[in-house]
C-alpha atoms as a PDB file:
ATOM      1  CA  UNK A   1      72.952 -72.334  51.678  1.00  0.00           C
ATOM      2  CA  UNK A   2      69.554 -73.547  52.865  1.00  0.00           C
ATOM      3  CA  UNK A   3      67.133 -70.626  52.975  1.00  0.00           C
ATOM      4  CA  UNK A   4      63.980 -72.638  53.693  1.00  0.00           C
ATOM      5  CA  UNK A   5      63.699 -71.561  57.353  1.00  0.00           C
ATOM      6  CA  UNK A   6      64.224 -67.918  56.401  1.00  0.00           C
ATOM      7  CA  UNK A   7      61.571 -68.203  53.681  1.00  0.00           C
ATOM      8  CA  UNK A   8      59.115 -69.889  56.047  1.00  0.00           C
ATOM      9  CA  UNK A   9      59.437 -67.168  58.707  1.00  0.00           C
ATOM     10  CA  UNK A  10      59.221 -64.406  56.109  1.00  0.00           C
ATOM     11  CA  UNK A  11      56.041 -65.890  54.642  1.00  0.00           C
ATOM     12  CA  UNK A  12      54.502 -66.469  58.084  1.00  0.00           C
ATOM     13  CA  UNK A  13      55.295 -62.863  59.031  1.00  0.00           C
ATOM     14  CA  UNK A  14      53.657 -61.492  55.890  1.00  0.00           C
ATOM     15  CA  UNK A  15      50.643 -63.730  56.437  1.00  0.00           C
ATOM     16  CA  UNK A  16      50.313 -62.604  60.064  1.00  0.00           C
ATOM     17  CA  UNK A  17      50.560 -58.980  58.950  1.00  0.00           C
ATOM     18  CA  UNK A  18      47.770 -59.525  56.398  1.00  0.00           C
ATOM     19  CA  UNK A  19      45.634 -61.138  59.117  1.00  0.00           C
ATOM     20  CA  UNK A  20      46.177 -58.141  61.406  1.00  0.00           C
ATOM     21  CA  UNK A  21      48.292 -60.069  63.923  1.00  0.00           C
ATOM     22  CA  UNK A  22      51.161 -57.616  64.473  1.00  0.00           C
ATOM     23  CA  UNK A  23      52.743 -59.487  67.393  1.00  0.00           C
ATOM     24  CA  UNK A  24      53.079 -62.706  65.382  1.00  0.00           C
ATOM     25  CA  UNK A  25      54.243 -60.734  62.380  1.00  0.00           C
ATOM     26  CA  UNK A  26      57.091 -59.019  64.194  1.00  0.00           C
ATOM     27  CA  UNK A  27      58.109 -62.286  65.886  1.00  0.00           C
ATOM     28  CA  UNK A  28      58.410 -64.047  62.527  1.00  0.00           C
ATOM     29  CA  UNK A  29      60.211 -61.074  60.946  1.00  0.00           C
ATOM     30  CA  UNK A  30      62.680 -61.180  63.849  1.00  0.00           C
ATOM     31  CA  UNK A  31      63.123 -64.939  63.421  1.00  0.00           C
ATOM     32  CA  UNK A  32      63.669 -64.446  59.684  1.00  0.00           C
ATOM     33  CA  UNK A  33      66.327 -61.835  60.460  1.00  0.00           C
ATOM     34  CA  UNK A  34      68.004 -64.229  62.909  1.00  0.00           C
ATOM     35  CA  UNK A  35      67.962 -66.985  60.275  1.00  0.00           C
ATOM     36  CA  UNK A  36      69.459 -64.621  57.695  1.00  0.00           C
ATOM     37  CA  UNK A  37      72.336 -63.859  60.059  1.00  0.00           C
ATOM     38  CA  UNK A  38      73.108 -67.580  60.386  1.00  0.00           C
ATOM     39  CA  UNK A  39      73.321 -68.192  56.630  1.00  0.00           C
ATOM     40  CA  UNK A  40      76.770 -68.728  55.183  1.00  0.00           C
ATOM     41  CA  UNK A  41      77.782 -69.017  51.531  1.00  0.00           C
ATOM     42  CA  UNK A  42      78.718 -72.537  50.486  1.00  0.00           C
ATOM     43  CA  UNK A  43      80.300 -71.992  47.085  1.00  0.00           C
ATOM     44  CA  UNK A  44      81.214 -68.325  47.444  1.00  0.00           C
ATOM     45  CA  UNK A  45      80.046 -67.462  43.933  1.00  0.00           C
ATOM     46  CA  UNK A  46      79.010 -63.929  43.112  1.00  0.00           C
ATOM     47  CA  UNK A  47      75.417 -65.073  42.596  1.00  0.00           C
ATOM     48  CA  UNK A  48      75.331 -66.806  45.970  1.00  0.00           C
ATOM     49  CA  UNK A  49      76.784 -63.740  47.716  1.00  0.00           C
ATOM     50  CA  UNK A  50      74.223 -61.488  46.019  1.00  0.00           C
ATOM     51  CA  UNK A  51      71.435 -63.829  47.125  1.00  0.00           C
ATOM     52  CA  UNK A  52      72.761 -63.803  50.679  1.00  0.00           C
ATOM     53  CA  UNK A  53      72.985 -60.022  50.699  1.00  0.00           C
ATOM     54  CA  UNK A  54      69.468 -59.739  49.288  1.00  0.00           C
ATOM     55  CA  UNK A  55      68.127 -62.020  52.025  1.00  0.00           C
ATOM     56  CA  UNK A  56      69.866 -60.068  54.797  1.00  0.00           C
ATOM     57  CA  UNK A  57      68.807 -56.663  53.477  1.00  0.00           C
ATOM     58  CA  UNK A  58      65.253 -57.837  52.791  1.00  0.00           C
ATOM     59  CA  UNK A  59      64.980 -59.048  56.383  1.00  0.00           C
ATOM     60  CA  UNK A  60      66.037 -55.635  57.665  1.00  0.00           C
ATOM     61  CA  UNK A  61      63.747 -53.793  55.261  1.00  0.00           C
ATOM     62  CA  UNK A  62      60.796 -55.985  56.242  1.00  0.00           C
ATOM     63  CA  UNK A  63      61.309 -54.960  59.864  1.00  0.00           C
ATOM     64  CA  UNK A  64      61.847 -51.304  58.930  1.00  0.00           C
ATOM     65  CA  UNK A  65      58.608 -51.384  56.943  1.00  0.00           C
ATOM     66  CA  UNK A  66      56.758 -53.082  59.816  1.00  0.00           C
ATOM     67  CA  UNK A  67      57.872 -50.407  62.288  1.00  0.00           C
ATOM     68  CA  UNK A  68      57.135 -47.586  59.819  1.00  0.00           C
ATOM     69  CA  UNK A  69      53.543 -48.880  59.537  1.00  0.00           C
ATOM     70  CA  UNK A  70      53.403 -49.108  63.340  1.00  0.00           C
ATOM     71  CA  UNK A  71      54.552 -45.472  63.581  1.00  0.00           C
ATOM     72  CA  UNK A  72      57.835 -46.202  65.375  1.00  0.00           C
ATOM     73  CA  UNK A  73      60.463 -44.052  63.660  1.00  0.00           C
ATOM     74  CA  UNK A  74      63.241 -45.085  66.031  1.00  0.00           C
ATOM     75  CA  UNK A  75      62.956 -48.793  65.218  1.00  0.00           C
ATOM     76  CA  UNK A  76      62.476 -48.062  61.523  1.00  0.00           C
ATOM     77  CA  UNK A  77      65.762 -46.170  61.443  1.00  0.00           C
ATOM     78  CA  UNK A  78      67.455 -48.926  63.475  1.00  0.00           C
ATOM     79  CA  UNK A  79      66.605 -51.510  60.824  1.00  0.00           C
ATOM     80  CA  UNK A  80      67.506 -49.188  57.935  1.00  0.00           C
ATOM     81  CA  UNK A  81      70.908 -48.753  59.560  1.00  0.00           C
ATOM     82  CA  UNK A  82      71.241 -52.501  60.056  1.00  0.00           C
ATOM     83  CA  UNK A  83      70.431 -53.023  56.364  1.00  0.00           C
ATOM     84  CA  UNK A  84      73.158 -50.600  55.361  1.00  0.00           C
ATOM     85  CA  UNK A  85      75.588 -52.388  57.692  1.00  0.00           C
ATOM     86  CA  UNK A  86      74.770 -55.657  55.913  1.00  0.00           C
ATOM     87  CA  UNK A  87      75.620 -54.045  52.580  1.00  0.00           C
ATOM     88  CA  UNK A  88      78.837 -52.582  53.954  1.00  0.00           C
ATOM     89  CA  UNK A  89      79.861 -55.922  55.481  1.00  0.00           C
ATOM     90  CA  UNK A  90      79.616 -57.780  52.179  1.00  0.00           C
ATOM     91  CA  UNK A  91      80.480 -54.924  49.836  1.00  0.00           C
ATOM     92  CA  UNK A  92      82.959 -52.925  51.923  1.00  0.00           C
ATOM     93  CA  UNK A  93      84.391 -50.870  49.079  1.00  0.00           C
ATOM     94  CA  UNK A  94      82.135 -49.587  46.325  1.00  0.00           C
ATOM     95  CA  UNK A  95      84.278 -48.924  43.241  1.00  0.00           C
ATOM     96  CA  UNK A  96      82.151 -45.882  42.357  1.00  0.00           C
ATOM     97  CA  UNK A  97      83.424 -43.464  44.979  1.00  0.00           C
ATOM     98  CA  UNK A  98      82.167 -40.477  42.960  1.00  0.00           C
ATOM     99  CA  UNK A  99      78.553 -41.713  43.207  1.00  0.00           C
ATOM    100  CA  UNK A 100      76.461 -39.178  45.117  1.00  0.00           C
ATOM    101  CA  UNK A 101      73.670 -41.698  45.829  1.00  0.00           C
ATOM    102  CA  UNK A 102      75.719 -43.299  48.578  1.00  0.00           C
ATOM    103  CA  UNK A 103      76.113 -41.399  51.861  1.00  0.00           C
ATOM    104  CA  UNK A 104      79.551 -42.398  53.051  1.00  0.00           C
ATOM    105  CA  UNK A 105      79.310 -41.462  56.737  1.00  0.00           C
ATOM    106  CA  UNK A 106      76.027 -43.328  57.245  1.00  0.00           C
ATOM    107  CA  UNK A 107      76.626 -46.218  54.901  1.00  0.00           C
ATOM    108  CA  UNK A 108      73.049 -45.655  53.871  1.00  0.00           C
ATOM    109  CA  UNK A 109      71.142 -45.573  50.631  1.00  0.00           C
ATOM    110  CA  UNK A 110      70.064 -41.979  50.000  1.00  0.00           C
ATOM    111  CA  UNK A 111      66.542 -42.935  48.926  1.00  0.00           C
ATOM    112  CA  UNK A 112      65.909 -44.857  52.169  1.00  0.00           C
ATOM    113  CA  UNK A 113      67.281 -42.008  54.275  1.00  0.00           C
ATOM    114  CA  UNK A 114      65.235 -39.347  52.472  1.00  0.00           C
ATOM    115  CA  UNK A 115      62.129 -41.516  52.688  1.00  0.00           C
ATOM    116  CA  UNK A 116      62.684 -41.779  56.437  1.00  0.00           C
ATOM    117  CA  UNK A 117      63.321 -38.043  56.857  1.00  0.00           C
ATOM    118  CA  UNK A 118      60.154 -37.154  54.937  1.00  0.00           C
ATOM    119  CA  UNK A 119      58.264 -38.678  57.877  1.00  0.00           C
ATOM    120  CA  UNK A 120      60.420 -36.903  60.476  1.00  0.00           C
ATOM    121  CA  UNK A 121      58.617 -36.333  63.796  1.00  0.00           C
ATOM    122  CA  UNK A 122      59.397 -32.606  63.499  1.00  0.00           C
ATOM    123  CA  UNK A 123      56.915 -31.351  60.868  1.00  0.00           C
ATOM    124  CA  UNK A 124      59.224 -28.481  59.891  1.00  0.00           C
ATOM    125  CA  UNK A 125      61.947 -30.937  58.880  1.00  0.00           C
ATOM    126  CA  UNK A 126      59.469 -33.155  57.032  1.00  0.00           C
ATOM    127  CA  UNK A 127      58.083 -30.154  55.085  1.00  0.00           C
ATOM    128  CA  UNK A 128      61.578 -29.104  54.002  1.00  0.00           C
ATOM    129  CA  UNK A 129      62.205 -32.556  52.534  1.00  0.00           C
ATOM    130  CA  UNK A 130      58.829 -33.319  50.970  1.00  0.00           C
ATOM    131  CA  UNK A 131      59.859 -32.208  47.453  1.00  0.00           C
ATOM    132  CA  UNK A 132      63.262 -33.919  47.350  1.00  0.00           C
ATOM    133  CA  UNK A 133      63.575 -36.522  44.630  1.00  0.00           C
ATOM    134  CA  UNK A 134      64.390 -39.930  46.098  1.00  0.00           C
ATOM    135  CA  UNK A 135      65.704 -41.557  42.940  1.00  0.00           C
ATOM    136  CA  UNK A 136      68.890 -43.466  43.438  1.00  0.00           C
ATOM    137  CA  UNK A 137      71.494 -43.888  40.725  1.00  0.00           C
ATOM    138  CA  UNK A 138      73.845 -46.231  42.594  1.00  0.00           C
ATOM    139  CA  UNK A 139      73.780 -49.567  40.782  1.00  0.00           C
ATOM    140  CA  UNK A 140      74.909 -51.576  43.815  1.00  0.00           C
ATOM    141  CA  UNK A 141      72.697 -49.982  46.455  1.00  0.00           C
ATOM    142  CA  UNK A 142      69.597 -49.206  44.363  1.00  0.00           C
ATOM    143  CA  UNK A 143      68.475 -52.828  44.134  1.00  0.00           C
ATOM    144  CA  UNK A 144      68.045 -52.903  47.922  1.00  0.00           C
ATOM    145  CA  UNK A 145      66.008 -49.730  48.375  1.00  0.00           C
ATOM    146  CA  UNK A 146      62.676 -49.818  50.188  1.00  0.00           C
ATOM    147  CA  UNK A 147      59.572 -50.115  48.058  1.00  0.00           C
END
């Protein structure tokens, strides 16, 4: 699994974002996401699959973060949902069905969803959620939460 193109686009996107070039940043984040979708495991080891999942989810979270900073809630949610789909595609059945940190119908990490809802366009909704704890106890999903 050659991740060099993904790494290059991710680094160029971050650099463009630091240099206040949002158009170039989003282009490289999109290219990094496209590269992540083309990656396939070679050996199929657990470590390689975890790396692949991390790359795919990171790509989605980078775009969600970009759109959150740009103030576009719709695109932020789109990429949060895509990240959760990546997790569900590679880890379709979590063995901890009793875990309340995973929202089954959305396939979404609770901390990412609550973080999104705290910035809800309707201020009344955002105020109701501002004191909710966003800690996440799910061992599988927690490592992919937004920072």
